[in-house]
Every structure is written in structure tokens, then in C-alpha cells.
Protein backbone atom coordinates (compact mmCIF):
# COMPACT_ATOMS: atom_id res chain seq x y z
CA MET A 1 137.92 76.65 -10.63
CA ILE A 2 139.80 73.94 -12.52
CA ILE A 3 138.52 71.26 -10.13
CA GLU A 4 134.92 72.50 -10.47
CA THR A 5 135.20 72.42 -14.27
CA TYR A 6 136.62 68.90 -14.18
CA LEU A 7 133.81 67.67 -11.88
CA GLU A 8 131.21 69.30 -14.08
CA GLU A 9 132.62 67.66 -17.22
CA LYS A 10 132.75 64.28 -15.45
CA LYS A 11 129.11 64.65 -14.39
CA GLU A 12 128.06 65.54 -17.94
CA LEU A 13 129.93 62.50 -19.27
CA LYS A 14 128.08 60.18 -16.86
CA VAL A 15 124.75 61.65 -17.97
CA SER A 16 125.73 61.22 -21.63
CA VAL A 17 126.77 57.60 -21.07
CA ARG A 18 123.51 56.88 -19.24
CA THR A 19 121.53 58.42 -22.12
CA SER A 20 123.57 56.40 -24.63
CA LEU A 21 122.86 53.11 -22.85
CA ARG A 22 119.13 53.83 -22.64
CA ALA A 23 119.09 54.70 -26.34
CA SER A 24 120.93 51.47 -27.06
CA SER A 25 118.30 49.46 -25.17
CA ILE A 26 115.49 51.07 -27.19
CA ASP A 27 117.49 50.44 -30.36
CA GLY A 28 117.83 46.75 -29.40
CA SER A 29 114.10 46.47 -28.79
CA LEU A 30 113.13 47.98 -32.15
CA SER A 31 115.80 45.94 -33.94
CA THR A 32 114.28 42.80 -32.43
CA VAL A 33 110.97 43.64 -34.12
CA PHE A 34 112.73 43.97 -37.47
CA SER A 35 114.78 40.77 -37.11
CA ASN A 36 111.81 38.69 -35.93
CA ILE A 37 109.75 39.76 -38.95
CA THR A 38 112.51 39.37 -41.56
CA GLY A 39 113.77 36.06 -40.19
CA GLY A 40 112.86 33.06 -38.09
CA VAL A 41 109.46 31.44 -38.03
CA LEU A 42 107.59 34.31 -39.73
CA LEU A 43 109.87 34.32 -42.78
CA SER A 44 109.76 30.50 -42.95
CA SER A 45 105.96 30.56 -42.83
CA PHE A 46 105.92 33.18 -45.62
CA LEU A 47 108.17 31.02 -47.81
CA ILE A 48 105.98 27.96 -47.15
CA ASP A 49 102.92 29.96 -48.25
CA LEU A 50 104.77 30.81 -51.46
CA GLY A 51 105.42 27.11 -52.08
CA ALA A 52 109.11 27.02 -51.17
CA ASN A 53 110.65 23.56 -50.72
CA PRO A 54 112.54 22.42 -47.56
CA PHE A 55 115.91 23.13 -49.18
CA GLU A 56 114.95 26.76 -49.87
CA ILE A 57 113.64 27.19 -46.34
CA GLY A 58 116.89 25.75 -45.02
CA MET A 59 118.81 28.20 -47.21
CA ALA A 60 116.94 31.09 -45.60
CA ALA A 61 118.18 29.88 -42.20
CA SER A 62 121.79 29.13 -43.19
CA LEU A 63 122.55 32.17 -45.38
CA PRO A 64 122.81 34.58 -42.40
CA MET A 65 125.37 32.24 -40.82
CA LEU A 66 127.49 32.28 -43.97
CA ALA A 67 127.22 36.08 -44.19
CA SER A 68 129.03 36.30 -40.85
CA LEU A 69 132.25 35.31 -42.68
CA LEU A 70 132.49 38.92 -43.90
CA GLN A 71 132.51 40.39 -40.41
CA PRO A 72 136.34 40.63 -40.24
CA LEU A 73 136.34 42.74 -43.41
CA GLY A 74 133.60 44.90 -41.91
CA ALA A 75 135.64 45.32 -38.74
CA LEU A 76 138.64 46.53 -40.74
CA LEU A 77 136.59 49.01 -42.78
CA SER A 78 134.90 50.34 -39.67
CA ASN A 79 138.27 50.86 -37.95
CA ARG A 80 139.36 53.00 -40.89
CA SER A 81 136.27 55.19 -40.56
CA ARG A 82 136.02 58.25 -38.33
CA SER A 83 132.61 57.60 -36.80
CA ARG A 84 130.96 54.47 -35.40
CA HIS A 85 127.59 56.14 -35.89
CA ASP A 86 128.08 57.07 -39.54
CA TYR A 87 129.53 53.66 -40.41
CA GLY A 88 126.53 51.97 -38.78
CA ILE A 89 124.09 54.07 -40.79
CA TRP A 90 125.88 53.22 -44.06
CA THR A 91 125.63 49.49 -43.35
CA PHE A 92 122.43 48.90 -41.37
CA LEU A 93 120.16 51.41 -43.11
CA PRO A 94 120.53 49.88 -46.62
CA SER A 95 120.23 46.37 -45.16
CA ARG A 96 116.81 47.27 -43.77
CA LEU A 97 115.51 49.46 -46.59
CA LEU A 98 116.28 46.63 -49.05
CA TRP A 99 113.21 44.79 -47.74
CA LEU A 100 111.05 47.46 -49.39
CA VAL A 101 111.81 45.57 -52.63
CA LEU A 102 110.03 42.48 -51.23
CA LEU A 103 107.14 44.67 -50.14
CA VAL A 104 106.79 45.92 -53.72
CA GLY A 105 106.98 42.31 -54.95
CA ILE A 106 104.13 41.27 -52.63
CA ILE A 107 102.00 44.16 -53.87
CA LEU A 108 102.71 43.29 -57.53
CA ARG A 109 101.90 39.64 -56.88
CA GLY A 110 98.38 40.48 -55.72
CA THR A 111 96.15 37.44 -55.92
CA SER A 112 98.12 35.80 -58.73
CA THR A 113 100.17 32.71 -57.89
CA ASP A 114 102.26 32.88 -61.07
CA PHE A 115 104.73 35.22 -59.40
CA SER A 116 105.24 33.02 -56.33
CA ARG A 117 108.43 31.25 -57.48
CA GLU A 118 110.06 34.53 -58.43
CA LEU A 119 109.09 35.91 -55.02
CA VAL A 120 110.85 32.98 -53.32
CA TYR A 121 114.06 33.68 -55.24
CA LEU A 122 113.72 37.40 -54.53
CA THR A 123 113.31 36.71 -50.80
CA LEU A 124 116.42 34.50 -50.66
CA THR A 125 118.40 37.14 -52.56
CA LEU A 126 117.33 39.83 -50.11
CA VAL A 127 118.17 37.58 -47.16
CA ILE A 128 121.79 37.14 -48.26
CA ILE A 129 122.36 40.77 -49.35
CA SER A 130 120.70 42.20 -46.24
CA ASN A 131 122.67 39.94 -43.93
CA ILE A 132 125.95 40.69 -45.70
CA LEU A 133 125.41 44.41 -45.13
CA ALA A 134 124.41 43.79 -41.51
CA ALA A 135 127.45 41.56 -41.00
CA MET A 136 129.69 44.37 -42.25
CA GLY A 137 128.39 46.56 -39.43
CA SER A 138 127.93 44.06 -36.58
CA ALA A 139 131.50 44.11 -35.22
CA SER A 140 131.59 47.90 -35.31
CA TRP A 141 128.33 48.13 -33.39
CA MET A 142 129.52 45.68 -30.74
CA SER A 143 132.82 47.51 -30.40
CA TRP A 144 130.97 50.82 -30.06
CA LEU A 145 128.80 49.47 -27.26
CA ALA A 146 131.76 47.79 -25.55
CA ALA A 147 133.49 51.18 -25.35
CA LEU A 148 130.43 52.82 -23.77
CA VAL A 149 129.42 50.21 -21.17
CA PRO A 150 131.45 50.50 -17.93
CA ALA A 151 133.18 47.19 -17.12
CA LYS A 152 131.72 46.99 -13.61
CA LEU A 153 128.17 47.30 -14.99
CA ARG A 154 128.63 45.07 -18.02
CA GLY A 155 126.75 42.03 -16.65
CA ARG A 156 123.78 44.01 -15.34
CA TYR A 157 123.46 46.25 -18.38
CA TYR A 158 123.55 43.48 -20.99
CA SER A 159 121.13 41.40 -18.93
CA VAL A 160 118.62 44.26 -18.77
CA ARG A 161 119.09 44.99 -22.48
CA SER A 162 118.49 41.33 -23.30
CA ILE A 163 115.36 41.25 -21.14
CA VAL A 164 113.93 44.29 -22.95
CA SER A 165 114.66 42.70 -26.34
CA ASN A 166 113.24 39.32 -25.29
CA ILE A 167 110.02 40.86 -24.00
CA THR A 168 109.68 42.75 -27.28
CA GLY A 169 110.18 39.50 -29.20
CA LEU A 170 107.60 37.64 -27.09
CA LEU A 171 105.03 40.36 -27.75
CA CYS A 172 105.96 40.88 -31.40
CA LEU A 173 105.71 37.27 -32.62
CA PRO A 174 102.16 36.46 -31.42
CA ILE A 175 100.79 39.82 -32.58
CA ALA A 176 102.47 39.51 -35.99
CA SER A 177 101.31 35.89 -36.36
CA PHE A 178 97.74 36.86 -35.51
CA MET A 179 97.75 39.69 -38.07
CA ILE A 180 99.17 37.44 -40.79
CA THR A 181 96.75 34.59 -40.11
CA ASN A 182 93.61 36.72 -39.88
CA TRP A 183 94.31 39.26 -42.62
CA GLN A 184 91.42 39.24 -45.08
CA GLY A 185 93.69 39.51 -48.12
CA GLY A 186 95.44 36.26 -47.22
CA SER A 187 98.56 35.33 -45.26
CA ILE A 188 100.99 36.52 -47.94
CA THR A 189 99.43 39.98 -48.06
CA GLY A 190 99.26 39.90 -44.27
CA TYR A 191 103.01 39.28 -44.14
CA GLY A 192 103.48 42.30 -46.41
CA LEU A 193 101.60 44.45 -43.88
CA VAL A 194 103.68 43.12 -41.00
CA LEU A 195 106.87 43.54 -43.07
CA SER A 196 106.13 47.23 -43.59
CA MET A 197 105.83 47.65 -39.81
CA GLY A 198 109.08 45.75 -39.33
CA ILE A 199 110.93 48.03 -41.78
CA LEU A 200 109.61 51.10 -39.95
CA ALA A 201 110.80 49.65 -36.64
CA GLY A 202 114.20 48.85 -38.14
CA VAL A 203 114.67 52.40 -39.44
CA ALA A 204 113.35 53.90 -36.18
CA SER A 205 115.91 51.89 -34.21
CA LEU A 206 118.73 53.60 -36.11
CA THR A 207 117.45 57.04 -35.07
CA CYS A 208 118.11 56.04 -31.44
CA GLN A 209 121.81 55.91 -32.26
CA HIS A 210 121.79 59.71 -32.69
CA LEU A 211 121.43 59.91 -28.89
CA MET A 212 124.53 57.79 -28.28
CA ILE A 213 128.02 59.18 -27.76
CA ASP A 214 129.82 58.76 -31.06
CA ILE A 215 133.34 57.33 -31.15
CA ASN A 216 136.11 57.87 -33.66
CA PRO A 217 137.65 54.37 -34.05
CA GLN A 218 141.01 55.75 -35.16
CA LYS A 219 141.42 58.08 -32.19
CA TYR A 220 140.08 55.45 -29.78
CA GLN A 221 142.53 52.80 -30.97
CA ALA A 222 145.42 55.25 -31.13
CA LYS A 223 145.38 55.47 -27.32
CA TYR A 224 146.38 51.80 -27.12
CA GLN A 225 148.63 51.45 -30.15
CA THR A 226 152.41 51.51 -30.24
CA GLU A 227 154.24 53.66 -32.77
CA SER A 228 154.93 50.66 -35.04
CA GLU A 229 151.27 49.68 -34.97
CA LYS A 230 150.28 53.22 -35.90
CA GLU A 231 152.59 52.99 -38.91
CA HIS A 232 150.98 49.68 -39.94
CA ALA A 233 147.59 51.35 -39.75
CA GLN A 234 148.62 53.63 -42.60
CA THR A 235 149.47 50.75 -44.96
CA ASN A 236 147.24 49.55 -47.75
CA LEU A 237 143.94 47.78 -47.12
CA PHE A 238 145.22 44.28 -47.84
CA ASN A 239 148.19 44.51 -45.48
CA ASN A 240 146.01 46.09 -42.81
CA LEU A 241 143.48 43.30 -43.15
CA SER A 242 146.21 40.68 -42.81
CA ASN A 243 147.74 42.35 -39.76
CA ASN A 244 144.39 42.72 -38.01
CA LEU A 245 143.34 39.15 -38.71
CA ILE A 246 146.65 37.70 -37.54
CA ALA A 247 146.89 39.79 -34.36
CA PRO A 248 144.23 37.91 -32.32
CA PHE A 249 145.87 34.58 -33.19
CA GLN A 250 149.13 35.67 -31.59
CA ASP A 251 147.55 35.61 -28.13
CA ARG A 252 147.10 32.12 -26.60
CA ASN A 253 144.27 33.39 -24.43
CA LEU A 254 142.27 34.45 -27.47
CA ILE A 255 143.11 31.24 -29.34
CA PHE A 256 141.70 29.08 -26.55
CA PHE A 257 138.51 31.15 -26.55
CA LEU A 258 138.13 30.82 -30.32
CA ILE A 259 138.58 27.04 -30.04
CA TYR A 260 135.85 27.00 -27.40
CA ILE A 261 133.51 29.03 -29.62
CA ALA A 262 134.11 26.76 -32.63
CA ILE A 263 133.55 23.44 -30.83
CA TRP A 264 130.67 24.77 -28.73
CA GLY A 265 128.80 26.21 -31.74
CA PHE A 266 129.23 22.96 -33.66
CA ALA A 267 128.14 20.77 -30.72
CA ILE A 268 125.10 22.87 -29.85
CA ASN A 269 123.73 23.02 -33.38
CA LEU A 270 124.39 19.33 -33.91
CA SER A 271 121.32 18.51 -31.80
CA THR A 272 119.37 21.58 -30.64
CA PRO A 273 117.51 22.21 -33.93
CA PHE A 274 116.11 18.67 -33.72
CA PHE A 275 114.70 18.72 -30.19
CA ASN A 276 111.37 20.07 -31.47
CA LEU A 277 111.41 17.55 -34.31
CA TYR A 278 111.84 14.75 -31.77
CA MET A 279 108.92 16.03 -29.68
CA LEU A 280 106.66 16.34 -32.71
CA GLU A 281 107.48 13.10 -34.51
CA ASN A 282 108.72 10.70 -31.82
CA LEU A 283 106.86 11.83 -28.72
CA GLY A 284 103.72 12.90 -30.56
CA VAL A 285 103.53 16.31 -28.85
CA ASP A 286 101.13 18.75 -30.51
CA ILE A 287 102.59 21.86 -32.15
CA THR A 288 100.60 24.07 -29.76
CA TRP A 289 102.34 22.48 -26.79
CA VAL A 290 105.74 22.76 -28.45
CA THR A 291 105.13 26.50 -28.89
CA LEU A 292 104.03 26.75 -25.25
CA PHE A 293 107.19 25.00 -24.07
CA SER A 294 109.29 27.45 -26.09
CA SER A 295 107.44 30.35 -24.46
CA LEU A 296 108.09 28.90 -21.00
CA SER A 297 111.76 28.58 -21.88
CA SER A 298 111.90 32.21 -23.04
CA GLY A 299 110.17 33.35 -19.86
CA ALA A 300 112.68 31.50 -17.68
CA ASN A 301 115.47 33.00 -19.74
CA MET A 302 114.28 36.54 -19.02
CA LEU A 303 113.73 35.92 -15.32
CA MET A 304 117.22 34.50 -14.84
CA LEU A 305 119.08 37.14 -16.86
CA LEU A 306 119.22 39.60 -13.97
CA VAL A 307 120.38 36.86 -11.59
CA TRP A 308 123.16 35.72 -13.91
CA GLY A 309 124.07 39.34 -14.71
CA ARG A 310 124.71 40.21 -11.05
CA LEU A 311 126.51 36.92 -10.50
CA SER A 312 128.82 37.44 -13.48
CA ASP A 313 129.77 40.88 -12.14
CA ARG A 314 130.77 39.25 -8.84
CA ILE A 315 132.52 36.00 -9.80
CA GLY A 316 133.36 36.62 -13.45
CA ASN A 317 132.05 35.14 -16.68
CA ARG A 318 134.48 32.24 -17.09
CA PRO A 319 133.35 30.34 -13.94
CA LEU A 320 129.76 30.96 -14.98
CA LEU A 321 130.32 29.53 -18.45
CA ILE A 322 132.15 26.49 -17.10
CA PHE A 323 129.68 25.40 -14.43
CA VAL A 324 126.51 26.27 -16.34
CA GLY A 325 128.11 24.91 -19.51
CA ILE A 326 128.45 21.49 -17.90
CA ALA A 327 124.74 21.55 -17.07
CA ILE A 328 123.88 22.58 -20.64
CA ALA A 329 126.23 19.92 -22.03
CA ILE A 330 124.28 17.01 -20.53
CA THR A 331 120.82 18.28 -21.50
CA PRO A 332 120.71 16.25 -24.76
CA LEU A 333 120.94 13.14 -22.57
CA PHE A 334 117.71 14.11 -20.82
CA TRP A 335 115.84 12.93 -23.90
CA LEU A 336 117.07 9.40 -23.17
CA LEU A 337 114.83 9.41 -20.10
CA THR A 338 111.71 9.83 -22.24
CA GLY A 339 111.95 6.12 -23.03
CA ILE A 340 111.42 5.20 -19.36
CA SER A 341 107.82 4.24 -18.58
CA GLN A 342 107.69 6.31 -15.37
CA VAL A 343 108.73 9.41 -17.27
CA ARG A 344 106.24 8.67 -20.04
CA GLU A 345 103.45 8.75 -17.48
CA GLN A 346 104.52 12.23 -16.35
CA LEU A 347 105.79 13.43 -19.74
CA TRP A 348 104.10 16.83 -19.67
CA LEU A 349 105.48 17.70 -16.24
CA TYR A 350 108.90 16.45 -17.28
CA LEU A 351 108.91 18.58 -20.45
CA ILE A 352 107.76 21.69 -18.58
CA ILE A 353 110.52 21.35 -15.96
CA PHE A 354 113.08 20.56 -18.65
CA HIS A 355 112.26 23.65 -20.74
CA LEU A 356 112.24 25.91 -17.67
CA PHE A 357 115.69 24.58 -16.76
CA LEU A 358 116.91 24.96 -20.34
CA GLY A 359 115.74 28.57 -20.64
CA GLY A 360 117.15 29.58 -17.26
CA THR A 361 120.59 28.11 -17.88
CA TRP A 362 120.88 29.35 -21.45
CA ALA A 363 120.50 32.89 -20.12
CA ALA A 364 123.87 32.44 -18.37
CA ILE A 365 125.53 31.07 -21.53
CA ASP A 366 124.31 33.90 -23.77
CA LEU A 367 125.21 36.60 -21.27
CA GLY A 368 128.55 35.07 -20.24
CA THR A 369 129.72 34.49 -23.82
CA ASN A 370 128.92 38.07 -24.79
CA ASN A 371 130.62 39.56 -21.73
CA ILE A 372 133.77 37.42 -21.69
CA GLN A 373 134.66 38.20 -25.28
CA ILE A 374 134.36 41.90 -24.47
CA GLY A 375 136.54 41.36 -21.42
CA ILE A 376 139.34 39.45 -23.13
CA ALA A 377 139.40 41.25 -26.48
CA PRO A 378 142.38 43.61 -26.91
CA ILE A 379 140.98 47.15 -27.05
CA LYS A 380 143.02 48.04 -30.13
CA HIS A 381 141.54 45.04 -31.97
CA HIS A 382 138.02 45.09 -30.48
CA ALA A 383 136.03 45.12 -33.71
CA THR A 384 138.30 42.63 -35.47
CA PHE A 385 138.16 40.12 -32.62
CA PHE A 386 134.35 40.36 -32.35
CA ALA A 387 134.12 39.80 -36.10
CA ILE A 388 136.37 36.74 -35.99
CA VAL A 389 134.33 35.27 -33.12
CA SER A 390 131.07 35.76 -35.05
CA ALA A 391 132.54 34.33 -38.23
CA ILE A 392 133.84 31.21 -36.49
CA ALA A 393 130.58 30.76 -34.59
CA GLY A 394 128.55 31.13 -37.79
CA VAL A 395 130.58 28.62 -39.79
CA SER A 396 130.78 26.03 -37.00
CA SER A 397 127.06 26.37 -36.29
CA ALA A 398 126.22 25.91 -39.96
CA LEU A 399 128.43 22.80 -40.12
CA GLY A 400 126.82 21.41 -36.97
CA THR A 401 123.31 21.96 -38.31
CA THR A 402 124.23 20.36 -41.64
CA LEU A 403 125.78 17.27 -40.07
CA GLY A 404 122.98 16.99 -37.52
CA GLY A 405 120.39 17.21 -40.28
CA THR A 406 122.17 14.55 -42.32
CA LEU A 407 122.35 12.18 -39.35
CA ALA A 408 118.79 12.91 -38.23
CA GLN A 409 117.49 12.21 -41.71
CA TYR A 410 118.40 8.56 -41.31
CA ALA A 411 117.75 8.41 -37.55
CA HIS A 412 114.33 7.43 -36.34
CA TYR A 413 113.38 6.69 -32.74
CA GLU A 414 116.49 4.99 -31.38
CA GLY A 415 118.95 6.36 -33.93
CA ILE A 416 118.36 10.04 -33.12
CA PHE A 417 119.60 9.34 -29.59
CA GLY A 418 123.03 8.85 -31.16
CA VAL A 419 122.92 12.45 -32.43
CA PHE A 420 121.99 13.67 -28.93
CA PHE A 421 124.71 11.59 -27.28
CA LEU A 422 127.40 12.82 -29.70
CA SER A 423 126.29 16.40 -29.09
CA ALA A 424 126.58 15.96 -25.31
CA ILE A 425 130.12 14.57 -25.60
CA LEU A 426 131.27 17.40 -27.87
CA ARG A 427 129.73 20.01 -25.56
CA LEU A 428 131.79 18.69 -22.66
CA VAL A 429 134.90 18.68 -24.86
CA ALA A 430 134.21 22.32 -25.80
CA ILE A 431 134.46 23.39 -22.16
CA ILE A 432 138.09 22.17 -21.87
CA PRO A 433 139.65 25.12 -23.82
CA LEU A 434 137.63 27.48 -21.61
CA LEU A 435 139.65 26.27 -18.60
CA PHE A 436 142.73 27.96 -20.10
CA VAL A 437 141.02 31.31 -20.80
CA HIS A 438 141.96 34.13 -18.44
CA GLU A 439 139.38 36.89 -18.09
CA ASN A 440 140.48 40.50 -17.69
CA TYR A 441 138.79 42.64 -15.07
């Protein structure tokens, strides 16, 4: 009788975990709709229509990176809560409902252009506040999911989840762009319509979390804490914050990974944001073709996610990141070949192959980076470690973009190759700390 009860409970747990993971995938898909509408190219286009200058548009892109600095504080607060689900609602729901304020502003603006400048400032304010709230909940959400996904299925599950989200993004952007462009009331009013749909999708995604197994962070961490650590957990907020932030830096394995994340994020963003600029200005490629190349890259990314997911489950994420990372590291040098006459004659074919290769390999980097940090993070400091990783990645990426933009501003045809070459060197350097990272299985 006891054995039958145990088997029945185990079966019910498997069903609950399966339901939780499916709900998480739907949540990721709906969240993608919200994030694509309230950020990226659609938000930039909206700001341009309002008359925003390049600095303000750049601020809209960099503010979310700076907001990631608050993730460690969010991790600490979430660990002191008694429910991952409730904490997520208190952070993500306000961050999404805040965009209703912009919707009201668009309605009040009407056909008048006098309110445009105020609407730009309002948008930037909402971007920073919304992303701060989201940053406070990001580490908790990742820790929640890490506790639910079985280690042996981690690669396959996250690859499938990424594919679902990517497909949603590919469908969402063209449809939203078409609605904004062809709306009779104008593109700004059209964005307001699309924004309302995005807010609905964002709120709907949170309802999916009701179907997921909730976790009490305090009970979950207590299983892996020593008695002294449990005593520290009862200290004041400041001391707890200090102890949690210091803990990951006492492990050499984690330190090497953080060094990798910092250098890699800086090196990638030093050049990647300017590849499209180089195609448009230096190679004279039409914007339609640039968009098509990006779509091809996204398609290759989705197709290869399942392949890389199964491979990472077999050989591990560290070997994947090292070997594919070397391939990604030298990609900035591929642009040097565009100056060769033979390549110029077959430029379109070259760019198509290049973007297919780029999308396919980046799938391994995204998946491997996500999985390895889950694998090496100490369970009792899950949320804190994820927050520190995101904060370091955000700051280093912002610094890389800033320096790259400064260098690219004075670099024309030949000079911009220096930015690409420097990026390639730093990418290779970033892989060195990864050699000393040991992945847990």
C-alpha cells in the first residue's frame, strides 16, 4: 500500500511538472509578443515618428541594460519571499500594466503634434521603470524554472521553448509592422493599437504561471543550507544582501564564468550592432535585403536549436560554447572579405551564407550560455547568481556598444574594419576563462 501510494504521488508529480513546462512555454510565447512591441524596432520606430533624436533612441536601447544592475537586489528579495509565483506577479504585472499610461498618452495626443516631445519623455520614463520592475523579478523567474526543468532534459526543453518564442516573434513583428504602417489614423495611433494588444498578451502570459508548480524559495534553499547559513538568512536585509553577493565570488569556478560573461558581452556588442550599419552605408545593401538577411538568420537559429539542444545534453554545454564560440569569434573578420573583388561579384550569395551560418551558430551560444549557468550555479544561491550574471552582462554589453559606437562614428570604410578586428580578438580572449569552468552534471 505504501509503495502504491509512493508510485501514485511520483506519477502525479511528473504530470504536474509536464504541465508546468508547457505553461512556461506558452508564457514565453506571449511574453515575446509583449517585449517585441514595447522594445526593439517597433519602439524605435514609434520614437522616430514622435521626432526623437538619435540620443533618445539610443537611451531607449541602453536603459534596459542598466536596469539589470538591480537584479541582485531582486534575487535577494525573492529569496525572502514564500512564493515564486506571487513574487513574479508583484514585479511583472505592474511592469506591464504601466504601459497603459503610454496608451492614454497616445489617445490624448490625438492628431496634435504639440504633445509629441512630452510623449517621448513619457516613453523613456516608462522604459526605465518597467525594466527596473522586470529586472527585480527576472532572477526569481529563472531560478523557478531551473528548479522545475529536469537536468537531463534541460537542453531539449530550453531549445523547444526558444523555438516557440522565436516563431512567435517572427510572426508578431511583421503583423504588428503592417498594422502600424497601414492604420488609417497614422502610425502613432497604429502603435497605440498594437501596444494595447501587447499589454493584453503580457498580462495573459502571467495567467499561465497559475498552472506551474509553485516553489517556496526559503524551503527550497533550506534543503541545501548549513545551519550557519540558515542563521545568516535571518539577519537584516543589508547583511543578507552582502552575504549573497559575496558567496558566488568565493567559488573559482563561478568567477571564471563571470569573467567569460563580462569579456564576451563587451566583445560581442563592440561590433555586432554595426554589422547592419556597414551593410547599409558601406556595401549599399537596401534595407529590405537587410531585413531579409535577419529573417534568414532567425530561421537558421530556430532550425539549429533542436540540434544543439540534443548535442548539449550529450557532450555538455562547455565544449559547445568553446568550439562554437571560436567560430563566432572570427565572424567579424568575414567582413574583411567583402573588399575582395571575387566576393563583391557574389556578394548576395556570400551574405546569405554568412547570415545562415551566423544564425545557426548563435543558437548554440544562446542555449549553451543559459544552460551552463543553471548547471554551475549553487542551488542555494540560484537566484543571486543568475542576477549577478545578468547584471555583469548588461553593464559589459552597454560599455561595448558605447565604445563601438564612439569608434564607428569616426570610422568610415577602412576604419570600421579596426572595430571588427578588435572585436574578433576580444572574443577569442573571452573563451580562455571558459576553459577553466567545470560544468556540473
